[in-house]
Amino acid sequence: MMKYGEEHVEHRFALSFTESELRGQWKDVFLGIHLLEGETWPEDLIDPSVLVICNLQGEIVQIVLHDEGCDCEFQFTYSEKAQIETYVQQDVTV
C-alpha cells in the first residue's frame, strides 16, 4: 500500500469477505483486510478495507482501498491487487 505518487511498500495481509451488494450493473464486494504478524499499516492509514467492483458476469472492474469506509489517498501495489483478485475469484461467489 502506498500514497499516490510515493514509493510503494509491499504489505502482507489476509482478507475476509464482509458483504456484497448489487448496484445496477455492478456488484460491490466488500472485504476486510488483516495484517499478518510483524506487519504495520502505513502511517495515516487508520481502518483500511477493500471495495472490489465487479460486473454482473463476475469480472473485476476495479479494486479500491478504503480507509474508515471512504476512498482515501492510498492505493494497492500490483502484487497486492493480484492477491485480492485471487481471493475474490477463489473464495467469494460473485
N, C-alpha and C. Protein backbone atom coordinates (compact mmCIF):
# COMPACT_ATOMS: atom_id res chain seq x y z
N MET A 1 0.85 -1.17 0.00
CA MET A 1 0.00 0.00 0.00
C MET A 1 0.90 1.23 0.00
N MET A 2 0.41 2.22 -0.70
CA MET A 2 1.22 3.44 -0.79
C MET A 2 0.31 4.63 -1.04
N LYS A 3 0.79 5.79 -0.67
CA LYS A 3 0.08 7.00 -1.02
C LYS A 3 0.34 7.26 -2.49
N TYR A 4 -0.62 7.87 -3.16
CA TYR A 4 -0.44 8.20 -4.57
C TYR A 4 0.84 9.00 -4.76
N GLY A 5 1.67 8.56 -5.71
CA GLY A 5 2.88 9.27 -6.04
C GLY A 5 4.09 8.94 -5.19
N GLU A 6 3.94 8.15 -4.14
CA GLU A 6 5.06 7.81 -3.28
C GLU A 6 5.60 6.42 -3.62
N GLU A 7 6.78 6.13 -3.11
CA GLU A 7 7.40 4.82 -3.32
C GLU A 7 6.53 3.75 -2.67
N HIS A 8 6.38 2.62 -3.37
CA HIS A 8 5.49 1.60 -2.82
C HIS A 8 6.24 0.66 -1.88
N VAL A 9 5.48 0.15 -0.93
CA VAL A 9 5.96 -0.84 0.03
C VAL A 9 4.94 -1.97 0.03
N GLU A 10 5.41 -3.20 -0.12
CA GLU A 10 4.51 -4.36 -0.10
C GLU A 10 4.13 -4.70 1.34
N HIS A 11 2.86 -4.97 1.54
CA HIS A 11 2.38 -5.38 2.85
C HIS A 11 1.79 -6.77 2.74
N ARG A 12 2.01 -7.56 3.76
CA ARG A 12 1.46 -8.91 3.80
C ARG A 12 0.18 -8.87 4.63
N PHE A 13 -0.89 -9.43 4.06
CA PHE A 13 -2.18 -9.37 4.74
C PHE A 13 -3.05 -10.54 4.35
N ALA A 14 -4.06 -10.76 5.17
CA ALA A 14 -5.10 -11.74 4.88
C ALA A 14 -6.39 -10.97 4.61
N LEU A 15 -7.31 -11.63 3.94
CA LEU A 15 -8.58 -11.00 3.57
C LEU A 15 -9.75 -11.79 4.13
N SER A 16 -10.86 -11.12 4.33
CA SER A 16 -12.09 -11.80 4.74
C SER A 16 -13.26 -11.12 4.05
N PHE A 17 -14.22 -11.93 3.64
CA PHE A 17 -15.43 -11.42 3.00
C PHE A 17 -16.30 -10.75 4.05
N THR A 18 -16.79 -9.55 3.74
CA THR A 18 -17.66 -8.83 4.66
C THR A 18 -19.10 -8.85 4.16
N GLU A 19 -19.31 -8.36 2.92
CA GLU A 19 -20.65 -8.35 2.34
C GLU A 19 -20.55 -8.04 0.86
N SER A 20 -21.67 -8.24 0.15
CA SER A 20 -21.73 -7.83 -1.26
C SER A 20 -23.08 -7.15 -1.48
N GLU A 21 -23.11 -6.34 -2.53
CA GLU A 21 -24.31 -5.55 -2.77
C GLU A 21 -24.44 -5.31 -4.28
N LEU A 22 -25.63 -5.53 -4.82
CA LEU A 22 -25.89 -5.21 -6.23
C LEU A 22 -26.19 -3.73 -6.35
N ARG A 23 -25.61 -3.11 -7.39
CA ARG A 23 -25.80 -1.68 -7.63
C ARG A 23 -25.91 -1.48 -9.13
N GLY A 24 -27.13 -1.64 -9.65
CA GLY A 24 -27.35 -1.51 -11.09
C GLY A 24 -26.60 -2.59 -11.84
N GLN A 25 -25.67 -2.18 -12.70
CA GLN A 25 -24.89 -3.14 -13.49
C GLN A 25 -23.64 -3.63 -12.77
N TRP A 26 -23.49 -3.25 -11.50
CA TRP A 26 -22.29 -3.60 -10.75
C TRP A 26 -22.62 -4.43 -9.52
N LYS A 27 -21.66 -5.22 -9.10
CA LYS A 27 -21.75 -5.91 -7.81
C LYS A 27 -20.55 -5.46 -7.00
N ASP A 28 -20.82 -4.83 -5.87
CA ASP A 28 -19.77 -4.38 -4.97
C ASP A 28 -19.49 -5.47 -3.95
N VAL A 29 -18.23 -5.83 -3.81
CA VAL A 29 -17.80 -6.82 -2.85
C VAL A 29 -16.91 -6.11 -1.83
N PHE A 30 -17.28 -6.21 -0.57
CA PHE A 30 -16.53 -5.56 0.49
C PHE A 30 -15.72 -6.61 1.25
N LEU A 31 -14.44 -6.31 1.45
CA LEU A 31 -13.54 -7.23 2.13
C LEU A 31 -12.89 -6.57 3.32
N GLY A 32 -12.68 -7.35 4.38
CA GLY A 32 -11.85 -6.91 5.48
C GLY A 32 -10.41 -7.23 5.15
N ILE A 33 -9.50 -6.44 5.64
CA ILE A 33 -8.08 -6.67 5.40
C ILE A 33 -7.37 -6.72 6.76
N HIS A 34 -6.56 -7.75 6.95
CA HIS A 34 -5.94 -8.02 8.25
C HIS A 34 -4.45 -8.24 8.05
N LEU A 35 -3.65 -7.43 8.72
CA LEU A 35 -2.20 -7.57 8.59
C LEU A 35 -1.71 -8.88 9.19
N LEU A 36 -0.70 -9.44 8.56
CA LEU A 36 -0.07 -10.62 9.12
C LEU A 36 0.90 -10.19 10.21
N GLU A 37 1.28 -11.13 11.03
CA GLU A 37 2.15 -10.85 12.16
C GLU A 37 3.43 -10.13 11.71
N GLY A 38 3.79 -9.11 12.44
CA GLY A 38 5.00 -8.36 12.15
C GLY A 38 4.82 -7.21 11.17
N GLU A 39 3.64 -7.09 10.58
CA GLU A 39 3.37 -6.03 9.61
C GLU A 39 2.71 -4.84 10.31
N THR A 40 2.84 -3.66 9.74
CA THR A 40 2.16 -2.47 10.25
C THR A 40 1.54 -1.71 9.08
N TRP A 41 0.47 -1.00 9.36
CA TRP A 41 -0.15 -0.17 8.33
C TRP A 41 0.74 1.02 8.03
N PRO A 42 0.63 1.56 6.84
CA PRO A 42 1.35 2.81 6.55
C PRO A 42 0.85 3.92 7.49
N GLU A 43 1.72 4.87 7.76
CA GLU A 43 1.32 5.99 8.60
C GLU A 43 0.12 6.69 7.96
N ASP A 44 -0.79 7.14 8.74
CA ASP A 44 -2.01 7.85 8.31
C ASP A 44 -3.11 6.92 7.80
N LEU A 45 -2.90 5.63 7.76
CA LEU A 45 -3.96 4.69 7.38
C LEU A 45 -4.55 4.13 8.67
N ILE A 46 -5.82 4.41 8.92
CA ILE A 46 -6.41 4.13 10.23
C ILE A 46 -7.17 2.81 10.27
N ASP A 47 -8.15 2.64 9.39
CA ASP A 47 -9.01 1.46 9.40
C ASP A 47 -9.29 1.02 7.96
N PRO A 48 -8.31 0.37 7.31
CA PRO A 48 -8.47 0.03 5.89
C PRO A 48 -9.43 -1.11 5.64
N SER A 49 -10.04 -1.07 4.46
CA SER A 49 -10.88 -2.15 3.96
C SER A 49 -10.79 -2.11 2.44
N VAL A 50 -11.41 -3.08 1.79
CA VAL A 50 -11.29 -3.20 0.34
C VAL A 50 -12.68 -3.21 -0.29
N LEU A 51 -12.84 -2.45 -1.36
CA LEU A 51 -14.03 -2.50 -2.20
C LEU A 51 -13.60 -3.06 -3.54
N VAL A 52 -14.23 -4.15 -3.95
CA VAL A 52 -13.97 -4.73 -5.27
C VAL A 52 -15.24 -4.57 -6.09
N ILE A 53 -15.14 -3.86 -7.20
CA ILE A 53 -16.30 -3.63 -8.06
C ILE A 53 -16.23 -4.61 -9.21
N CYS A 54 -17.29 -5.40 -9.37
CA CYS A 54 -17.36 -6.41 -10.43
C CYS A 54 -18.55 -6.12 -11.33
N ASN A 55 -18.48 -6.61 -12.57
CA ASN A 55 -19.67 -6.54 -13.41
C ASN A 55 -20.56 -7.73 -13.06
N LEU A 56 -21.71 -7.83 -13.67
CA LEU A 56 -22.65 -8.89 -13.31
C LEU A 56 -22.18 -10.27 -13.74
N GLN A 57 -21.17 -10.34 -14.61
CA GLN A 57 -20.58 -11.62 -15.00
C GLN A 57 -19.49 -12.06 -14.02
N GLY A 58 -19.20 -11.24 -13.02
CA GLY A 58 -18.22 -11.59 -12.01
C GLY A 58 -16.80 -11.13 -12.32
N GLU A 59 -16.62 -10.39 -13.41
CA GLU A 59 -15.28 -9.90 -13.75
C GLU A 59 -14.96 -8.66 -12.93
N ILE A 60 -13.76 -8.63 -12.38
CA ILE A 60 -13.34 -7.50 -11.57
C ILE A 60 -13.07 -6.30 -12.47
N VAL A 61 -13.69 -5.17 -12.11
CA VAL A 61 -13.54 -3.94 -12.86
C VAL A 61 -12.57 -2.99 -12.15
N GLN A 62 -12.65 -2.95 -10.81
CA GLN A 62 -11.83 -2.02 -10.05
C GLN A 62 -11.65 -2.53 -8.63
N ILE A 63 -10.48 -2.23 -8.06
CA ILE A 63 -10.18 -2.54 -6.67
C ILE A 63 -9.81 -1.23 -5.99
N VAL A 64 -10.52 -0.91 -4.91
CA VAL A 64 -10.35 0.37 -4.24
C VAL A 64 -10.00 0.14 -2.77
N LEU A 65 -8.97 0.81 -2.31
CA LEU A 65 -8.61 0.78 -0.89
C LEU A 65 -9.39 1.87 -0.18
N HIS A 66 -10.15 1.49 0.83
CA HIS A 66 -10.90 2.44 1.65
C HIS A 66 -10.21 2.59 2.99
N ASP A 67 -10.38 3.74 3.60
CA ASP A 67 -9.95 3.95 4.98
C ASP A 67 -11.15 4.53 5.73
N GLU A 68 -11.50 3.89 6.79
CA GLU A 68 -12.68 4.25 7.57
C GLU A 68 -13.94 4.30 6.70
N GLY A 69 -14.02 3.37 5.72
CA GLY A 69 -15.20 3.23 4.87
C GLY A 69 -15.29 4.19 3.70
N CYS A 70 -14.26 5.01 3.47
CA CYS A 70 -14.29 6.01 2.39
C CYS A 70 -13.04 5.87 1.51
N ASP A 71 -13.17 6.38 0.28
CA ASP A 71 -11.99 6.46 -0.59
C ASP A 71 -10.90 7.23 0.14
N CYS A 72 -9.64 6.89 -0.16
CA CYS A 72 -8.54 7.56 0.52
C CYS A 72 -7.39 7.78 -0.44
N GLU A 73 -6.33 8.40 0.05
CA GLU A 73 -5.19 8.73 -0.78
C GLU A 73 -4.21 7.57 -0.95
N PHE A 74 -4.55 6.40 -0.46
CA PHE A 74 -3.70 5.23 -0.58
C PHE A 74 -4.19 4.35 -1.72
N GLN A 75 -3.28 3.56 -2.27
CA GLN A 75 -3.64 2.60 -3.31
C GLN A 75 -2.84 1.31 -3.07
N PHE A 76 -3.32 0.23 -3.67
CA PHE A 76 -2.63 -1.05 -3.58
C PHE A 76 -1.53 -1.12 -4.63
N THR A 77 -0.50 -1.91 -4.33
CA THR A 77 0.53 -2.20 -5.32
C THR A 77 -0.03 -3.27 -6.27
N TYR A 78 0.68 -3.52 -7.37
CA TYR A 78 0.22 -4.53 -8.33
C TYR A 78 0.12 -5.91 -7.69
N SER A 79 1.10 -6.28 -6.88
CA SER A 79 1.05 -7.62 -6.27
C SER A 79 -0.05 -7.71 -5.21
N GLU A 80 -0.32 -6.62 -4.51
CA GLU A 80 -1.41 -6.63 -3.54
C GLU A 80 -2.75 -6.77 -4.26
N LYS A 81 -2.90 -6.07 -5.40
CA LYS A 81 -4.12 -6.21 -6.20
C LYS A 81 -4.27 -7.65 -6.71
N ALA A 82 -3.17 -8.25 -7.12
CA ALA A 82 -3.21 -9.64 -7.60
C ALA A 82 -3.67 -10.57 -6.48
N GLN A 83 -3.22 -10.34 -5.26
CA GLN A 83 -3.66 -11.15 -4.13
C GLN A 83 -5.17 -10.99 -3.91
N ILE A 84 -5.66 -9.78 -4.01
CA ILE A 84 -7.09 -9.52 -3.83
C ILE A 84 -7.90 -10.18 -4.95
N GLU A 85 -7.44 -10.05 -6.19
CA GLU A 85 -8.12 -10.69 -7.32
C GLU A 85 -8.22 -12.19 -7.12
N THR A 86 -7.12 -12.82 -6.72
CA THR A 86 -7.11 -14.26 -6.49
C THR A 86 -8.09 -14.64 -5.40
N TYR A 87 -8.11 -13.89 -4.31
CA TYR A 87 -9.03 -14.17 -3.21
C TYR A 87 -10.48 -14.10 -3.69
N VAL A 88 -10.83 -13.04 -4.41
CA VAL A 88 -12.20 -12.87 -4.86
C VAL A 88 -12.59 -14.00 -5.83
N GLN A 89 -11.72 -14.34 -6.75
CA GLN A 89 -12.02 -15.39 -7.73
C GLN A 89 -12.14 -16.76 -7.09
N GLN A 90 -11.38 -17.04 -6.04
CA GLN A 90 -11.39 -18.36 -5.44
C GLN A 90 -12.34 -18.50 -4.25
N ASP A 91 -12.52 -17.42 -3.48
CA ASP A 91 -13.20 -17.56 -2.21
C ASP A 91 -14.52 -16.79 -2.07
N VAL A 92 -14.88 -15.99 -3.08
CA VAL A 92 -16.10 -15.20 -2.99
C VAL A 92 -16.98 -15.54 -4.19
N THR A 93 -18.25 -15.80 -3.94
CA THR A 93 -19.18 -16.05 -5.02
C THR A 93 -19.66 -14.71 -5.55
N VAL A 94 -19.21 -14.38 -6.75
CA VAL A 94 -19.54 -13.08 -7.34
C VAL A 94 -20.69 -13.23 -8.31
